[in-house]
Amino acid sequence: MVHSAVAWFGVDAERTVVVGDHVSDLRAAQTAGCWGVHGRSGQGVAPVSGGPRYLGSFPDLSAYADTVEQRRTAHAPRP
């Protein structure tokens, strides 16, 4: 399904993040060449090791977005 979505939307898998609440979602993301984020929805547990394209486990998308923004600003060039 992730392969189909990448093809349908014409996105670059290397630059695509898939959010899922099960380990199988993260495996599907990795198989398609995408990055995986575990969203703790109460439906599944975070993997012990999510593989090389695993970005972590977050309580919700807002927490993930905050983390991305903090990392982006920490590495932004200073004027």
C-alpha atoms as a PDB file:
ATOM      1  CA  MET A   1       0.000   0.000   0.000  1.00  0.00           C
ATOM      2  CA  VAL A   2       2.859   2.416   0.748  1.00  0.00           C
ATOM      3  CA  HIS A   3       4.455   1.613  -2.631  1.00  0.00           C
ATOM      4  CA  SER A   4       1.127   2.417  -4.309  1.00  0.00           C
ATOM      5  CA  ALA A   5       0.748   5.698  -2.433  1.00  0.00           C
ATOM      6  CA  VAL A   6       4.275   6.804  -3.337  1.00  0.00           C
ATOM      7  CA  ALA A   7       3.620   6.008  -7.010  1.00  0.00           C
ATOM      8  CA  TRP A   8       0.123   7.550  -7.014  1.00  0.00           C
ATOM      9  CA  PHE A   9       1.248  10.852  -5.512  1.00  0.00           C
ATOM     10  CA  GLY A  10       4.570  10.884  -7.365  1.00  0.00           C
ATOM     11  CA  VAL A  11       6.592  11.613  -4.242  1.00  0.00           C
ATOM     12  CA  ASP A  12      10.204  10.732  -3.528  1.00  0.00           C
ATOM     13  CA  ALA A  13      10.200   7.832  -1.059  1.00  0.00           C
ATOM     14  CA  GLU A  14      13.545   8.998   0.346  1.00  0.00           C
ATOM     15  CA  ARG A  15      11.836  12.231   1.455  1.00  0.00           C
ATOM     16  CA  THR A  16       8.554  10.696   2.619  1.00  0.00           C
ATOM     17  CA  VAL A  17       7.536  10.029   6.231  1.00  0.00           C
ATOM     18  CA  VAL A  18       4.934   7.388   7.038  1.00  0.00           C
ATOM     19  CA  VAL A  19       3.199   7.597  10.410  1.00  0.00           C
ATOM     20  CA  GLY A  20       1.763   4.400  11.824  1.00  0.00           C
ATOM     21  CA  ASP A  21       0.684   2.892  15.104  1.00  0.00           C
ATOM     22  CA  HIS A  22       1.827  -0.682  14.450  1.00  0.00           C
ATOM     23  CA  VAL A  23       5.223  -2.216  13.783  1.00  0.00           C
ATOM     24  CA  SER A  24       3.846  -3.522  10.485  1.00  0.00           C
ATOM     25  CA  ASP A  25       3.229   0.097   9.387  1.00  0.00           C
ATOM     26  CA  LEU A  26       6.872   0.937  10.045  1.00  0.00           C
ATOM     27  CA  ARG A  27       8.040  -2.169   8.185  1.00  0.00           C
ATOM     28  CA  ALA A  28       5.900  -1.177   5.198  1.00  0.00           C
ATOM     29  CA  ALA A  29       7.429   2.308   5.242  1.00  0.00           C
ATOM     30  CA  GLN A  30      10.954   0.904   5.351  1.00  0.00           C
ATOM     31  CA  THR A  31      10.250  -1.609   2.576  1.00  0.00           C
ATOM     32  CA  ALA A  32       9.011   1.231   0.364  1.00  0.00           C
ATOM     33  CA  GLY A  33      12.144   3.280   1.104  1.00  0.00           C
ATOM     34  CA  CYS A  34      10.303   5.790   3.307  1.00  0.00           C
ATOM     35  CA  TRP A  35      10.970   6.994   6.840  1.00  0.00           C
ATOM     36  CA  GLY A  36       8.775   5.689   9.657  1.00  0.00           C
ATOM     37  CA  VAL A  37       7.349   7.409  12.722  1.00  0.00           C
ATOM     38  CA  HIS A  38       5.455   5.517  15.400  1.00  0.00           C
ATOM     39  CA  GLY A  39       2.393   7.350  16.684  1.00  0.00           C
ATOM     40  CA  ARG A  40       1.329   6.085  20.096  1.00  0.00           C
ATOM     41  CA  SER A  41      -2.384   5.715  19.533  1.00  0.00           C
ATOM     42  CA  GLY A  42      -2.945   2.996  22.073  1.00  0.00           C
ATOM     43  CA  GLN A  43      -3.344   0.469  19.267  1.00  0.00           C
ATOM     44  CA  GLY A  44       0.239  -0.716  19.097  1.00  0.00           C
ATOM     45  CA  VAL A  45       3.498  -0.592  21.014  1.00  0.00           C
ATOM     46  CA  ALA A  46       6.663   1.129  19.834  1.00  0.00           C
ATOM     47  CA  PRO A  47       9.242  -1.174  18.315  1.00  0.00           C
ATOM     48  CA  VAL A  48      12.408  -1.879  20.286  1.00  0.00           C
ATOM     49  CA  SER A  49      14.376  -1.210  17.109  1.00  0.00           C
ATOM     50  CA  GLY A  50      12.598   0.337  14.176  1.00  0.00           C
ATOM     51  CA  GLY A  51      15.391  -0.106  11.663  1.00  0.00           C
ATOM     52  CA  PRO A  52      17.604   2.367   9.847  1.00  0.00           C
ATOM     53  CA  ARG A  53      14.727   4.572   8.665  1.00  0.00           C
ATOM     54  CA  TYR A  54      12.938   4.810  12.021  1.00  0.00           C
ATOM     55  CA  LEU A  55      12.534   8.344  13.366  1.00  0.00           C
ATOM     56  CA  GLY A  56      11.115   7.460  16.758  1.00  0.00           C
ATOM     57  CA  SER A  57       7.938   7.099  18.763  1.00  0.00           C
ATOM     58  CA  PHE A  58       5.794  10.099  19.683  1.00  0.00           C
ATOM     59  CA  PRO A  59       2.584  10.546  21.683  1.00  0.00           C
ATOM     60  CA  ASP A  60       1.001  12.457  18.793  1.00  0.00           C
ATOM     61  CA  LEU A  61       1.827  14.284  15.560  1.00  0.00           C
ATOM     62  CA  SER A  62       2.193  17.594  17.363  1.00  0.00           C
ATOM     63  CA  ALA A  63       5.052  16.203  19.469  1.00  0.00           C
ATOM     64  CA  TYR A  64       6.732  14.864  16.331  1.00  0.00           C
ATOM     65  CA  ALA A  65       6.339  18.241  14.567  1.00  0.00           C
ATOM     66  CA  ASP A  66       7.812  20.038  17.600  1.00  0.00           C
ATOM     67  CA  THR A  67      10.829  17.718  17.521  1.00  0.00           C
ATOM     68  CA  VAL A  68      11.356  18.292  13.797  1.00  0.00           C
ATOM     69  CA  GLU A  69      11.133  22.063  14.258  1.00  0.00           C
ATOM     70  CA  GLN A  70      13.584  22.027  17.184  1.00  0.00           C
ATOM     71  CA  ARG A  71      16.113  20.030  15.155  1.00  0.00           C
ATOM     72  CA  ARG A  72      15.616  22.261  12.109  1.00  0.00           C
ATOM     73  CA  THR A  73      16.201  25.479  14.040  1.00  0.00           C
ATOM     74  CA  ALA A  74      19.162  23.973  15.923  1.00  0.00           C
ATOM     75  CA  HIS A  75      20.861  23.253  12.593  1.00  0.00           C
ATOM     76  CA  ALA A  76      19.767  26.396  10.747  1.00  0.00           C
ATOM     77  CA  PRO A  77      22.533  28.725   9.577  1.00  0.00           C
ATOM     78  CA  ARG A  78      23.022  31.737  11.828  1.00  0.00           C
ATOM     79  CA  PRO A  79      22.808  35.214  10.215  1.00  0.00           C
END
